[in-house]
Amino acid sequence: MKKLIKPLIASALVIATSGVYAQSYSGAKVKNIVRSMDDSGDRKVNFQEYFEASVTDSNDSFDVNHDGYITEGEIVLEIKEDLIQTIKEMRKQGVSEKDINKTIAKELNTAEKEAARIVKKMDTDGDHLVEPSELEAFKHKQFNALDRNHDGVISRQDIKRKKGWPIRQ
């Protein structure tokens, strides 16, 4: 069941977490990021490609009413939409209704807190709205976390080995 819940949370937090914990990304994760976002085909992703793929070209825009701002309410709606997809997938995989109901209760119980946490993380002026400039600044922070060697691109060279640890593929 955890395997199904993780994509729900991940998709609900795309804006807030895609690079914040970049240090723990496996080699395969970075490779997938590069493969999916590399428009130029050079096996590297610059900030423009990263921003366009994760915000501009994304079909999963959190700005539901298209007013240029992201609010806690809009993120809650996205979390609920993702929950519906997760429930469908859980049913396909034969998860019991009891476990599905537990998942629903847990996710609905935490959705508003999670949305508030996401907005707070990006909202630098404290108005409870994520303006385009705040989103771009946050995306820069994520990009910089992924660009561990600080060469201006995300590539396989950004995967650093921890002493004695192999790169996970």
C-alpha atoms as a PDB file:
ATOM      1  CA  MET A   1       0.000   0.000   0.000  1.00  0.00           C
ATOM      2  CA  LYS A   2       2.883   2.404   0.747  1.00  0.00           C
ATOM      3  CA  LYS A   3       3.940   2.088  -2.879  1.00  0.00           C
ATOM      4  CA  LEU A   4       0.611   3.552  -3.955  1.00  0.00           C
ATOM      5  CA  ILE A   5       0.480   6.346  -1.395  1.00  0.00           C
ATOM      6  CA  LYS A   6       3.964   7.609  -2.193  1.00  0.00           C
ATOM      7  CA  PRO A   7       3.018   8.738  -5.748  1.00  0.00           C
ATOM      8  CA  LEU A   8       0.007  10.555  -4.311  1.00  0.00           C
ATOM      9  CA  ILE A   9       2.127  12.524  -1.917  1.00  0.00           C
ATOM     10  CA  ALA A  10       4.855  13.028  -4.478  1.00  0.00           C
ATOM     11  CA  SER A  11       2.509  14.429  -7.082  1.00  0.00           C
ATOM     12  CA  ALA A  12       0.800  16.646  -4.534  1.00  0.00           C
ATOM     13  CA  LEU A  13       4.160  18.070  -3.538  1.00  0.00           C
ATOM     14  CA  VAL A  14       5.772  18.403  -6.934  1.00  0.00           C
ATOM     15  CA  ILE A  15       6.134  22.126  -6.560  1.00  0.00           C
ATOM     16  CA  ALA A  16       7.577  21.966  -3.084  1.00  0.00           C
ATOM     17  CA  THR A  17       9.852  18.965  -3.086  1.00  0.00           C
ATOM     18  CA  SER A  18      11.245  18.027  -6.461  1.00  0.00           C
ATOM     19  CA  GLY A  19      14.729  19.221  -5.626  1.00  0.00           C
ATOM     20  CA  VAL A  20      14.770  20.098  -1.970  1.00  0.00           C
ATOM     21  CA  TYR A  21      16.033  16.662  -0.993  1.00  0.00           C
ATOM     22  CA  ALA A  22      18.180  16.290  -4.078  1.00  0.00           C
ATOM     23  CA  GLN A  23      21.074  14.941  -2.053  1.00  0.00           C
ATOM     24  CA  SER A  24      19.167  11.685  -1.645  1.00  0.00           C
ATOM     25  CA  TYR A  25      18.247  11.300  -5.316  1.00  0.00           C
ATOM     26  CA  SER A  26      19.505   8.083  -6.824  1.00  0.00           C
ATOM     27  CA  GLY A  27      21.432   7.995 -10.062  1.00  0.00           C
ATOM     28  CA  ALA A  28      18.332   6.647 -11.781  1.00  0.00           C
ATOM     29  CA  LYS A  29      16.212   9.561 -10.480  1.00  0.00           C
ATOM     30  CA  VAL A  30      18.632  12.182 -11.791  1.00  0.00           C
ATOM     31  CA  LYS A  31      18.908  10.302 -15.090  1.00  0.00           C
ATOM     32  CA  ASN A  32      15.093  10.328 -15.421  1.00  0.00           C
ATOM     33  CA  ILE A  33      14.959  14.041 -14.637  1.00  0.00           C
ATOM     34  CA  VAL A  34      17.560  14.754 -17.292  1.00  0.00           C
ATOM     35  CA  ARG A  35      15.909  12.465 -19.849  1.00  0.00           C
ATOM     36  CA  SER A  36      12.451  13.990 -19.371  1.00  0.00           C
ATOM     37  CA  MET A  37      13.517  17.648 -19.272  1.00  0.00           C
ATOM     38  CA  ASP A  38      16.414  17.763 -21.740  1.00  0.00           C
ATOM     39  CA  ASP A  39      15.010  19.616 -24.758  1.00  0.00           C
ATOM     40  CA  SER A  40      18.383  20.185 -26.411  1.00  0.00           C
ATOM     41  CA  GLY A  41      19.484  16.534 -26.311  1.00  0.00           C
ATOM     42  CA  ASP A  42      22.831  17.304 -24.668  1.00  0.00           C
ATOM     43  CA  ARG A  43      22.089  15.110 -21.616  1.00  0.00           C
ATOM     44  CA  LYS A  44      22.084  18.190 -19.427  1.00  0.00           C
ATOM     45  CA  VAL A  45      19.233  20.317 -18.116  1.00  0.00           C
ATOM     46  CA  ASN A  46      19.685  24.051 -17.698  1.00  0.00           C
ATOM     47  CA  PHE A  47      17.388  26.172 -15.539  1.00  0.00           C
ATOM     48  CA  GLN A  48      15.204  27.223 -18.480  1.00  0.00           C
ATOM     49  CA  GLU A  49      14.549  23.586 -19.434  1.00  0.00           C
ATOM     50  CA  TYR A  50      13.932  22.698 -15.778  1.00  0.00           C
ATOM     51  CA  PHE A  51      11.513  25.579 -15.232  1.00  0.00           C
ATOM     52  CA  GLU A  52       9.605  24.980 -18.475  1.00  0.00           C
ATOM     53  CA  ALA A  53       9.252  21.252 -17.810  1.00  0.00           C
ATOM     54  CA  SER A  54       8.248  21.590 -14.171  1.00  0.00           C
ATOM     55  CA  VAL A  55       6.066  24.708 -14.367  1.00  0.00           C
ATOM     56  CA  THR A  56       5.360  26.136 -17.813  1.00  0.00           C
ATOM     57  CA  ASP A  57       4.732  22.883 -19.702  1.00  0.00           C
ATOM     58  CA  SER A  58       3.209  21.027 -16.764  1.00  0.00           C
ATOM     59  CA  ASN A  59      -0.341  19.777 -17.205  1.00  0.00           C
ATOM     60  CA  ASP A  60      -0.549  19.552 -13.424  1.00  0.00           C
ATOM     61  CA  SER A  61      -0.707  23.302 -12.745  1.00  0.00           C
ATOM     62  CA  PHE A  62      -1.630  24.122  -9.182  1.00  0.00           C
ATOM     63  CA  ASP A  63      -3.080  27.468 -10.311  1.00  0.00           C
ATOM     64  CA  VAL A  64      -6.527  25.984 -10.830  1.00  0.00           C
ATOM     65  CA  ASN A  65      -8.352  29.258 -11.499  1.00  0.00           C
ATOM     66  CA  HIS A  66      -5.510  30.621 -13.679  1.00  0.00           C
ATOM     67  CA  ASP A  67      -5.271  33.924 -11.833  1.00  0.00           C
ATOM     68  CA  GLY A  68      -1.469  33.773 -11.669  1.00  0.00           C
ATOM     69  CA  TYR A  69      -1.311  32.812  -7.984  1.00  0.00           C
ATOM     70  CA  ILE A  70      -1.206  29.509  -6.143  1.00  0.00           C
ATOM     71  CA  THR A  71      -3.274  29.268  -2.962  1.00  0.00           C
ATOM     72  CA  GLU A  72      -3.648  26.666  -0.239  1.00  0.00           C
ATOM     73  CA  GLY A  73      -7.149  25.887  -1.509  1.00  0.00           C
ATOM     74  CA  GLU A  74      -5.861  25.123  -4.995  1.00  0.00           C
ATOM     75  CA  ILE A  75      -3.243  22.765  -3.599  1.00  0.00           C
ATOM     76  CA  VAL A  76      -5.896  21.015  -1.501  1.00  0.00           C
ATOM     77  CA  LEU A  77      -7.925  20.474  -4.692  1.00  0.00           C
ATOM     78  CA  GLU A  78      -4.890  18.917  -6.384  1.00  0.00           C
ATOM     79  CA  ILE A  79      -4.262  16.654  -3.402  1.00  0.00           C
ATOM     80  CA  LYS A  80      -7.892  15.484  -3.538  1.00  0.00           C
ATOM     81  CA  GLU A  81      -7.700  14.874  -7.292  1.00  0.00           C
ATOM     82  CA  ASP A  82      -4.537  12.840  -6.791  1.00  0.00           C
ATOM     83  CA  LEU A  83      -6.280  10.928  -4.011  1.00  0.00           C
ATOM     84  CA  ILE A  84      -9.017   9.888  -6.437  1.00  0.00           C
ATOM     85  CA  GLN A  85      -6.403   8.501  -8.836  1.00  0.00           C
ATOM     86  CA  THR A  86      -4.657   6.711  -5.988  1.00  0.00           C
ATOM     87  CA  ILE A  87      -7.922   5.118  -4.865  1.00  0.00           C
ATOM     88  CA  LYS A  88      -8.581   3.862  -8.391  1.00  0.00           C
ATOM     89  CA  GLU A  89      -5.096   2.366  -8.549  1.00  0.00           C
ATOM     90  CA  MET A  90      -5.472   0.786  -5.109  1.00  0.00           C
ATOM     91  CA  ARG A  91      -8.717  -0.864  -6.209  1.00  0.00           C
ATOM     92  CA  LYS A  92      -7.066  -2.160  -9.385  1.00  0.00           C
ATOM     93  CA  GLN A  93      -4.365  -3.747  -7.260  1.00  0.00           C
ATOM     94  CA  GLY A  94      -6.891  -5.382  -4.941  1.00  0.00           C
ATOM     95  CA  VAL A  95      -6.286  -3.319  -1.813  1.00  0.00           C
ATOM     96  CA  SER A  96      -9.054  -3.852   0.728  1.00  0.00           C
ATOM     97  CA  GLU A  97     -11.759  -1.206   1.154  1.00  0.00           C
ATOM     98  CA  LYS A  98     -10.786  -0.967   4.805  1.00  0.00           C
ATOM     99  CA  ASP A  99      -7.223   0.032   3.862  1.00  0.00           C
ATOM    100  CA  ILE A 100      -8.516   2.371   1.162  1.00  0.00           C
ATOM    101  CA  ASN A 101     -10.774   4.084   3.698  1.00  0.00           C
ATOM    102  CA  LYS A 102      -7.829   4.488   6.087  1.00  0.00           C
ATOM    103  CA  THR A 103      -5.824   6.103   3.301  1.00  0.00           C
ATOM    104  CA  ILE A 104      -8.686   8.441   2.417  1.00  0.00           C
ATOM    105  CA  ALA A 105      -9.162   9.494   6.040  1.00  0.00           C
ATOM    106  CA  LYS A 106      -5.445  10.080   6.554  1.00  0.00           C
ATOM    107  CA  GLU A 107      -4.973  12.085   3.363  1.00  0.00           C
ATOM    108  CA  LEU A 108      -8.085  14.216   3.836  1.00  0.00           C
ATOM    109  CA  ASN A 109      -7.114  14.853   7.439  1.00  0.00           C
ATOM    110  CA  THR A 110      -3.672  16.158   6.460  1.00  0.00           C
ATOM    111  CA  ALA A 111      -4.436  17.850   3.110  1.00  0.00           C
ATOM    112  CA  GLU A 112      -5.005  21.349   4.481  1.00  0.00           C
ATOM    113  CA  LYS A 113      -1.944  21.229   6.733  1.00  0.00           C
ATOM    114  CA  GLU A 114       0.173  19.961   3.862  1.00  0.00           C
ATOM    115  CA  ALA A 115      -1.123  22.663   1.523  1.00  0.00           C
ATOM    116  CA  ALA A 116      -0.367  25.331   4.131  1.00  0.00           C
ATOM    117  CA  ARG A 117       3.148  23.924   4.538  1.00  0.00           C
ATOM    118  CA  ILE A 118       3.745  24.008   0.790  1.00  0.00           C
ATOM    119  CA  VAL A 119       2.538  27.591   0.412  1.00  0.00           C
ATOM    120  CA  LYS A 120       4.524  28.734   3.456  1.00  0.00           C
ATOM    121  CA  LYS A 121       7.664  27.215   1.973  1.00  0.00           C
ATOM    122  CA  MET A 122       7.341  29.319  -1.198  1.00  0.00           C
ATOM    123  CA  ASP A 123       5.491  32.435   0.024  1.00  0.00           C
ATOM    124  CA  THR A 124       8.307  34.829   0.894  1.00  0.00           C
ATOM    125  CA  ASP A 125       6.129  37.920   1.457  1.00  0.00           C
ATOM    126  CA  GLY A 126       3.675  36.191   3.817  1.00  0.00           C
ATOM    127  CA  ASP A 127       0.455  37.025   1.924  1.00  0.00           C
ATOM    128  CA  HIS A 128      -0.592  33.332   1.661  1.00  0.00           C
ATOM    129  CA  LEU A 129      -0.298  33.475  -2.126  1.00  0.00           C
ATOM    130  CA  VAL A 130       2.493  32.100  -4.278  1.00  0.00           C
ATOM    131  CA  GLU A 131       3.176  34.716  -6.928  1.00  0.00           C
ATOM    132  CA  PRO A 132       5.004  33.825 -10.161  1.00  0.00           C
ATOM    133  CA  SER A 133       8.231  35.457  -8.914  1.00  0.00           C
ATOM    134  CA  GLU A 134       8.090  33.405  -5.689  1.00  0.00           C
ATOM    135  CA  LEU A 135       7.511  30.221  -7.648  1.00  0.00           C
ATOM    136  CA  GLU A 136      10.455  31.000  -9.919  1.00  0.00           C
ATOM    137  CA  ALA A 137      12.699  31.779  -6.931  1.00  0.00           C
ATOM    138  CA  PHE A 138      11.701  28.504  -5.305  1.00  0.00           C
ATOM    139  CA  LYS A 139      12.359  26.609  -8.531  1.00  0.00           C
ATOM    140  CA  HIS A 140      15.820  28.222  -8.652  1.00  0.00           C
ATOM    141  CA  LYS A 141      16.441  26.900  -5.139  1.00  0.00           C
ATOM    142  CA  GLN A 142      15.357  23.409  -6.215  1.00  0.00           C
ATOM    143  CA  PHE A 143      17.478  23.586  -9.356  1.00  0.00           C
ATOM    144  CA  ASN A 144      20.527  24.645  -7.351  1.00  0.00           C
ATOM    145  CA  ALA A 145      19.998  21.724  -4.967  1.00  0.00           C
ATOM    146  CA  LEU A 146      20.019  19.334  -7.932  1.00  0.00           C
ATOM    147  CA  ASP A 147      23.008  21.079  -9.559  1.00  0.00           C
ATOM    148  CA  ARG A 148      25.370  19.813  -6.883  1.00  0.00           C
ATOM    149  CA  ASN A 149      28.571  20.657  -8.747  1.00  0.00           C
ATOM    150  CA  HIS A 150      27.268  24.193  -9.477  1.00  0.00           C
ATOM    151  CA  ASP A 151      28.057  24.177 -13.194  1.00  0.00           C
ATOM    152  CA  GLY A 152      24.655  25.596 -14.208  1.00  0.00           C
ATOM    153  CA  VAL A 153      23.185  22.316 -15.479  1.00  0.00           C
ATOM    154  CA  ILE A 154      21.757  19.138 -14.016  1.00  0.00           C
ATOM    155  CA  SER A 155      23.592  16.107 -15.333  1.00  0.00           C
ATOM    156  CA  ARG A 156      24.952  12.735 -14.230  1.00  0.00           C
ATOM    157  CA  GLN A 157      27.980  14.581 -12.840  1.00  0.00           C
ATOM    158  CA  ASP A 158      25.731  15.981 -10.117  1.00  0.00           C
ATOM    159  CA  ILE A 159      25.450  12.583  -8.485  1.00  0.00           C
ATOM    160  CA  LYS A 160      28.115  12.491  -5.824  1.00  0.00           C
ATOM    161  CA  ARG A 161      29.129   9.382  -3.991  1.00  0.00           C
ATOM    162  CA  LYS A 162      29.046   9.454  -0.238  1.00  0.00           C
ATOM    163  CA  LYS A 163      32.185   7.977   1.229  1.00  0.00           C
ATOM    164  CA  GLY A 164      31.985   4.226   0.823  1.00  0.00           C
ATOM    165  CA  TRP A 165      28.514   4.297  -0.790  1.00  0.00           C
ATOM    166  CA  PRO A 166      27.908   3.260  -4.399  1.00  0.00           C
ATOM    167  CA  ILE A 167      25.655   5.330  -6.624  1.00  0.00           C
ATOM    168  CA  ARG A 168      22.218   3.717  -6.667  1.00  0.00           C
ATOM    169  CA  GLN A 169      21.043   3.035 -10.201  1.00  0.00           C
END
